[in-house]
Amino acid sequence: MEITDIKVFPVDEEKLKAFVTVVFDQCFVVCDIKVIHGNNGLFVSMPSKRRKDGTFRDVAHPLNSDTRRMIEEKILSAYEHALASGATPRRARQPREADPDRREAGGVAPVRHDGGGLHPEAGA
């Protein structure tokens, strides 16, 4: 399994720093992964949904620690690159469910990772 694309959508919130979309093997996408600033620095939170009892449950997540580590390292690297390349954070909008790429319309140029290096997405 290989990450073939990462799109980073920085947001301007106290703890929430970005939404991320990850493509695996050019054929499977996971949207609404979050980059969070916690007490011990940045970490990655998998997409989740609220249950009827008010708790949250991940809708997608790695099954082992090696895969989690690989995904987190690549996402955080892409996030740092997005900030270094001048991507402007925006206020997060709710809800985000209808179209994960609609944040592009708000003026945030996503940063993509295609395995060969990070670069701003052309034509965004």
Protein backbone atom coordinates (compact mmCIF):
# COMPACT_ATOMS: atom_id res chain seq x y z
CA MET A 1 0.00 0.00 0.00
CA GLU A 2 1.34 3.39 -0.98
CA ILE A 3 0.10 6.93 -0.44
CA THR A 4 -0.08 8.38 -3.94
CA ASP A 5 -1.61 11.80 -3.17
CA ILE A 6 -2.13 14.06 -0.19
CA LYS A 7 -4.17 17.28 -0.23
CA VAL A 8 -3.82 19.62 2.73
CA PHE A 9 -6.46 22.24 3.56
CA PRO A 10 -5.10 24.45 6.38
CA VAL A 11 -7.69 26.02 8.69
CA ASP A 12 -7.45 28.80 11.26
CA GLU A 13 -8.71 27.25 14.49
CA GLU A 14 -7.17 27.04 17.96
CA LYS A 15 -6.52 23.28 17.92
CA LEU A 16 -7.67 22.15 14.48
CA LYS A 17 -4.90 23.03 12.03
CA ALA A 18 -5.91 21.31 8.77
CA PHE A 19 -8.17 18.88 6.98
CA VAL A 20 -6.37 16.33 4.84
CA THR A 21 -7.43 14.04 2.00
CA VAL A 22 -5.24 10.99 1.32
CA VAL A 23 -5.29 8.77 -1.78
CA PHE A 24 -3.93 5.24 -1.53
CA ASP A 25 -2.63 3.38 -4.60
CA GLN A 26 -4.36 5.90 -6.89
CA CYS A 27 -7.67 4.12 -6.22
CA PHE A 28 -8.91 4.68 -2.64
CA VAL A 29 -9.50 8.04 -0.94
CA VAL A 30 -9.93 8.92 2.74
CA CYS A 31 -11.26 12.44 3.38
CA ASP A 32 -11.59 14.62 6.49
CA ILE A 33 -8.49 13.43 8.27
CA LYS A 34 -7.57 16.17 10.76
CA VAL A 35 -4.27 17.66 11.87
CA ILE A 36 -4.71 18.68 15.52
CA HIS A 37 -2.42 20.69 17.79
CA GLY A 38 -2.55 18.92 21.16
CA ASN A 39 -0.66 19.24 24.43
CA ASN A 40 2.29 17.25 23.01
CA GLY A 41 2.40 18.86 19.55
CA LEU A 42 0.76 17.94 16.26
CA PHE A 43 -1.07 14.67 15.72
CA VAL A 44 -3.37 13.13 13.13
CA SER A 45 -7.01 12.30 13.86
CA MET A 46 -8.80 9.86 11.58
CA PRO A 47 -12.25 10.75 10.18
CA SER A 48 -15.05 9.98 12.60
CA LYS A 49 -18.78 10.35 12.99
CA ARG A 50 -20.92 11.14 16.00
CA ARG A 51 -23.01 8.29 17.34
CA LYS A 52 -26.51 8.70 18.78
CA ASP A 53 -25.07 8.61 22.31
CA GLY A 54 -22.80 11.60 21.53
CA THR A 55 -19.55 9.64 21.34
CA PHE A 56 -17.41 9.50 18.21
CA ARG A 57 -16.27 6.46 16.23
CA ASP A 58 -13.56 6.38 13.55
CA VAL A 59 -14.95 5.55 10.11
CA ALA A 60 -11.50 4.68 8.74
CA HIS A 61 -8.27 3.91 10.57
CA PRO A 62 -5.01 1.94 10.28
CA LEU A 63 -5.04 -1.58 11.70
CA ASN A 64 -1.48 -1.55 13.03
CA SER A 65 1.02 0.87 14.51
CA ASP A 66 3.47 0.71 11.58
CA THR A 67 0.78 1.79 9.12
CA ARG A 68 -0.45 4.52 11.49
CA ARG A 69 3.12 5.83 11.87
CA MET A 70 3.69 5.87 8.09
CA ILE A 71 0.41 7.72 7.44
CA GLU A 72 1.02 10.24 10.25
CA GLU A 73 4.57 10.97 9.10
CA LYS A 74 3.50 11.63 5.52
CA ILE A 75 0.48 13.74 6.52
CA LEU A 76 2.47 15.87 8.97
CA SER A 77 5.25 16.32 6.42
CA ALA A 78 2.71 17.46 3.81
CA TYR A 79 1.13 19.82 6.38
CA GLU A 80 4.50 21.38 7.25
CA HIS A 81 5.26 21.77 3.55
CA ALA A 82 1.89 23.46 2.98
CA LEU A 83 2.67 26.00 5.69
CA ALA A 84 6.20 26.55 4.40
CA SER A 85 4.90 27.14 0.87
CA GLY A 86 2.56 29.88 2.09
CA ALA A 87 -0.83 28.14 2.11
CA THR A 88 -3.19 30.49 3.95
CA PRO A 89 -5.29 28.94 6.71
CA ARG A 90 -9.03 29.65 6.59
CA ARG A 91 -11.77 29.35 9.19
CA ALA A 92 -13.23 25.83 9.14
CA ARG A 93 -16.76 25.65 7.79
CA GLN A 94 -19.40 23.23 9.04
CA PRO A 95 -20.71 20.86 7.85
CA ARG A 96 -18.06 19.42 5.52
CA GLU A 97 -19.85 16.24 4.46
CA ALA A 98 -21.27 17.12 1.02
CA ASP A 99 -18.07 17.73 -0.95
CA PRO A 100 -14.63 17.26 0.62
CA ASP A 101 -12.97 19.37 -2.08
CA ARG A 102 -15.30 22.37 -1.73
CA ARG A 103 -12.76 24.08 0.50
CA GLU A 104 -10.79 24.73 -2.69
CA ALA A 105 -13.48 27.23 -3.72
CA GLY A 106 -12.76 29.25 -0.57
CA GLY A 107 -9.37 30.30 -1.89
CA VAL A 108 -7.23 27.69 -0.18
CA ALA A 109 -4.83 26.15 -2.66
CA PRO A 110 -4.42 22.51 -1.61
CA VAL A 111 -0.95 21.06 -1.53
CA ARG A 112 -0.57 17.66 -3.12
CA HIS A 113 1.90 14.89 -2.63
CA ASP A 114 2.30 12.55 -5.60
CA GLY A 115 5.14 10.41 -4.37
CA GLY A 116 7.67 12.43 -6.37
CA GLY A 117 7.65 15.47 -4.12
CA LEU A 118 5.27 18.05 -2.79
CA HIS A 119 3.90 20.77 -5.01
CA PRO A 120 0.90 23.11 -5.16
CA GLU A 121 -1.93 21.61 -7.14
CA ALA A 122 -2.15 23.16 -10.59
CA GLY A 123 -5.39 24.84 -11.54
CA ALA A 124 -6.93 24.84 -8.07
